[in-house]
Amino acid sequence: MDLTELQQRLESERSITLAIHVRPSSPRTGWRGMLADGSLKIDVAQVPERGKVNGELIRFLAEEFKVSLHCVEILRGFSARMKVVQVRLG
């Protein structure tokens, strides 16, 4: 599944839940691909301390899906590399 498909799903369903594997301390924030289990892999250009990775992940997803920051919520995995994130339309 690519970003276009995810955006279309978001528009039709108004909300999507994503399983995301983050790789902190990367040179830049961006899509890395999809794992065999269907979860998305995202590089995050922040160090894993005091919620910096979570903040950057939320910023990145909000920008990619063209929604405001409050429309992106981490549901599970606040301090783990594997996170469940909900993106919804305003």
C-alpha atoms as a PDB file:
ATOM      1  CA  MET A   1       0.000   0.000   0.000  1.00  0.00           C
ATOM      2  CA  ASP A   2       1.386   3.395  -0.919  1.00  0.00           C
ATOM      3  CA  LEU A   3       0.698   6.889   0.360  1.00  0.00           C
ATOM      4  CA  THR A   4      -1.890   7.610  -2.333  1.00  0.00           C
ATOM      5  CA  GLU A   5      -3.897   4.540  -1.324  1.00  0.00           C
ATOM      6  CA  LEU A   6      -3.683   5.540   2.339  1.00  0.00           C
ATOM      7  CA  GLN A   7      -4.858   9.069   1.531  1.00  0.00           C
ATOM      8  CA  GLN A   8      -7.789   7.691  -0.451  1.00  0.00           C
ATOM      9  CA  ARG A   9      -8.710   5.383   2.428  1.00  0.00           C
ATOM     10  CA  LEU A  10      -8.551   8.321   4.839  1.00  0.00           C
ATOM     11  CA  GLU A  11     -10.850  10.385   2.639  1.00  0.00           C
ATOM     12  CA  SER A  12     -13.404   7.602   2.270  1.00  0.00           C
ATOM     13  CA  GLU A  13     -13.305   6.292   5.857  1.00  0.00           C
ATOM     14  CA  ARG A  14     -12.550   9.658   7.574  1.00  0.00           C
ATOM     15  CA  SER A  15     -10.112   7.860   9.924  1.00  0.00           C
ATOM     16  CA  ILE A  16      -7.357   5.271   9.515  1.00  0.00           C
ATOM     17  CA  THR A  17      -5.270   3.362  12.019  1.00  0.00           C
ATOM     18  CA  LEU A  18      -1.682   2.587  11.083  1.00  0.00           C
ATOM     19  CA  ALA A  19       0.881   0.223  12.563  1.00  0.00           C
ATOM     20  CA  ILE A  20       4.208   2.028  12.281  1.00  0.00           C
ATOM     21  CA  HIS A  21       7.740   0.905  13.011  1.00  0.00           C
ATOM     22  CA  VAL A  22       9.926   3.969  13.604  1.00  0.00           C
ATOM     23  CA  ARG A  23      13.678   4.140  13.190  1.00  0.00           C
ATOM     24  CA  PRO A  24      14.849   7.062  15.357  1.00  0.00           C
ATOM     25  CA  SER A  25      18.071   9.044  14.929  1.00  0.00           C
ATOM     26  CA  SER A  26      17.885   8.772  11.138  1.00  0.00           C
ATOM     27  CA  PRO A  27      19.479  11.392   8.889  1.00  0.00           C
ATOM     28  CA  ARG A  28      16.028  12.573   7.711  1.00  0.00           C
ATOM     29  CA  THR A  29      12.367  11.877   8.410  1.00  0.00           C
ATOM     30  CA  GLY A  30      10.618   9.926   5.666  1.00  0.00           C
ATOM     31  CA  TRP A  31       8.896   6.782   4.479  1.00  0.00           C
ATOM     32  CA  ARG A  32      11.136   3.730   4.534  1.00  0.00           C
ATOM     33  CA  GLY A  33       8.723   1.088   3.207  1.00  0.00           C
ATOM     34  CA  MET A  34       6.449  -1.642   4.433  1.00  0.00           C
ATOM     35  CA  LEU A  35       7.314  -4.665   6.535  1.00  0.00           C
ATOM     36  CA  ALA A  36       6.092  -8.211   5.843  1.00  0.00           C
ATOM     37  CA  ASP A  37       3.405  -7.867   8.532  1.00  0.00           C
ATOM     38  CA  GLY A  38       1.901  -4.845   6.738  1.00  0.00           C
ATOM     39  CA  SER A  39       3.214  -2.224   9.141  1.00  0.00           C
ATOM     40  CA  LEU A  40       4.787   0.911   7.728  1.00  0.00           C
ATOM     41  CA  LYS A  41       8.418   1.749   8.356  1.00  0.00           C
ATOM     42  CA  ILE A  42       9.302   5.401   8.899  1.00  0.00           C
ATOM     43  CA  ASP A  43      12.705   6.965   9.548  1.00  0.00           C
ATOM     44  CA  VAL A  44      12.554   9.750  12.131  1.00  0.00           C
ATOM     45  CA  ALA A  45      15.253  12.419  12.369  1.00  0.00           C
ATOM     46  CA  GLN A  46      15.011  12.845  16.133  1.00  0.00           C
ATOM     47  CA  VAL A  47      16.666  11.218  19.092  1.00  0.00           C
ATOM     48  CA  PRO A  48      14.528   8.957  21.303  1.00  0.00           C
ATOM     49  CA  GLU A  49      14.320  11.178  24.373  1.00  0.00           C
ATOM     50  CA  ARG A  50      11.494  13.123  26.031  1.00  0.00           C
ATOM     51  CA  GLY A  51       8.951  12.424  23.275  1.00  0.00           C
ATOM     52  CA  LYS A  52      10.965  13.995  20.462  1.00  0.00           C
ATOM     53  CA  VAL A  53      10.433  11.014  18.146  1.00  0.00           C
ATOM     54  CA  ASN A  54       6.681  11.037  18.790  1.00  0.00           C
ATOM     55  CA  GLY A  55       6.457  14.765  18.102  1.00  0.00           C
ATOM     56  CA  GLU A  56       8.383  14.461  14.848  1.00  0.00           C
ATOM     57  CA  LEU A  57       6.306  11.437  13.778  1.00  0.00           C
ATOM     58  CA  ILE A  58       3.059  13.346  14.407  1.00  0.00           C
ATOM     59  CA  ARG A  59       4.387  16.379  12.517  1.00  0.00           C
ATOM     60  CA  PHE A  60       5.468  14.222   9.576  1.00  0.00           C
ATOM     61  CA  LEU A  61       2.189  12.304   9.318  1.00  0.00           C
ATOM     62  CA  ALA A  62       0.115  15.482   9.619  1.00  0.00           C
ATOM     63  CA  GLU A  63       2.113  17.017   6.789  1.00  0.00           C
ATOM     64  CA  GLU A  64       1.927  13.894   4.602  1.00  0.00           C
ATOM     65  CA  PHE A  65      -1.832  13.464   5.055  1.00  0.00           C
ATOM     66  CA  LYS A  66      -2.498  17.222   4.964  1.00  0.00           C
ATOM     67  CA  VAL A  67      -4.294  17.315   8.313  1.00  0.00           C
ATOM     68  CA  SER A  68      -3.670  19.383  11.432  1.00  0.00           C
ATOM     69  CA  LEU A  69      -1.476  18.079  14.245  1.00  0.00           C
ATOM     70  CA  HIS A  70      -4.437  17.371  16.520  1.00  0.00           C
ATOM     71  CA  CYS A  71      -5.788  14.921  13.899  1.00  0.00           C
ATOM     72  CA  VAL A  72      -2.845  12.559  14.427  1.00  0.00           C
ATOM     73  CA  GLU A  73      -2.812  10.559  17.653  1.00  0.00           C
ATOM     74  CA  ILE A  74      -0.489   7.850  18.931  1.00  0.00           C
ATOM     75  CA  LEU A  75      -2.762   5.206  20.439  1.00  0.00           C
ATOM     76  CA  ARG A  76      -0.127   2.686  21.564  1.00  0.00           C
ATOM     77  CA  GLY A  77       3.644   2.473  21.743  1.00  0.00           C
ATOM     78  CA  PHE A  78       4.545   5.883  23.157  1.00  0.00           C
ATOM     79  CA  SER A  79       7.985   4.675  24.242  1.00  0.00           C
ATOM     80  CA  ALA A  80       8.406   1.801  21.756  1.00  0.00           C
ATOM     81  CA  ARG A  81       9.588   1.659  18.177  1.00  0.00           C
ATOM     82  CA  MET A  82       6.362  -0.080  17.182  1.00  0.00           C
ATOM     83  CA  LYS A  83       3.458   2.366  17.371  1.00  0.00           C
ATOM     84  CA  VAL A  84      -0.223   2.371  16.516  1.00  0.00           C
ATOM     85  CA  VAL A  85      -1.284   5.746  15.158  1.00  0.00           C
ATOM     86  CA  GLN A  86      -4.691   7.084  14.206  1.00  0.00           C
ATOM     87  CA  VAL A  87      -5.044   9.749  11.521  1.00  0.00           C
ATOM     88  CA  ARG A  88      -8.443  11.365  11.061  1.00  0.00           C
ATOM     89  CA  LEU A  89      -9.884  14.174   9.031  1.00  0.00           C
ATOM     90  CA  GLY A  90     -10.609  17.352  10.980  1.00  0.00           C
END
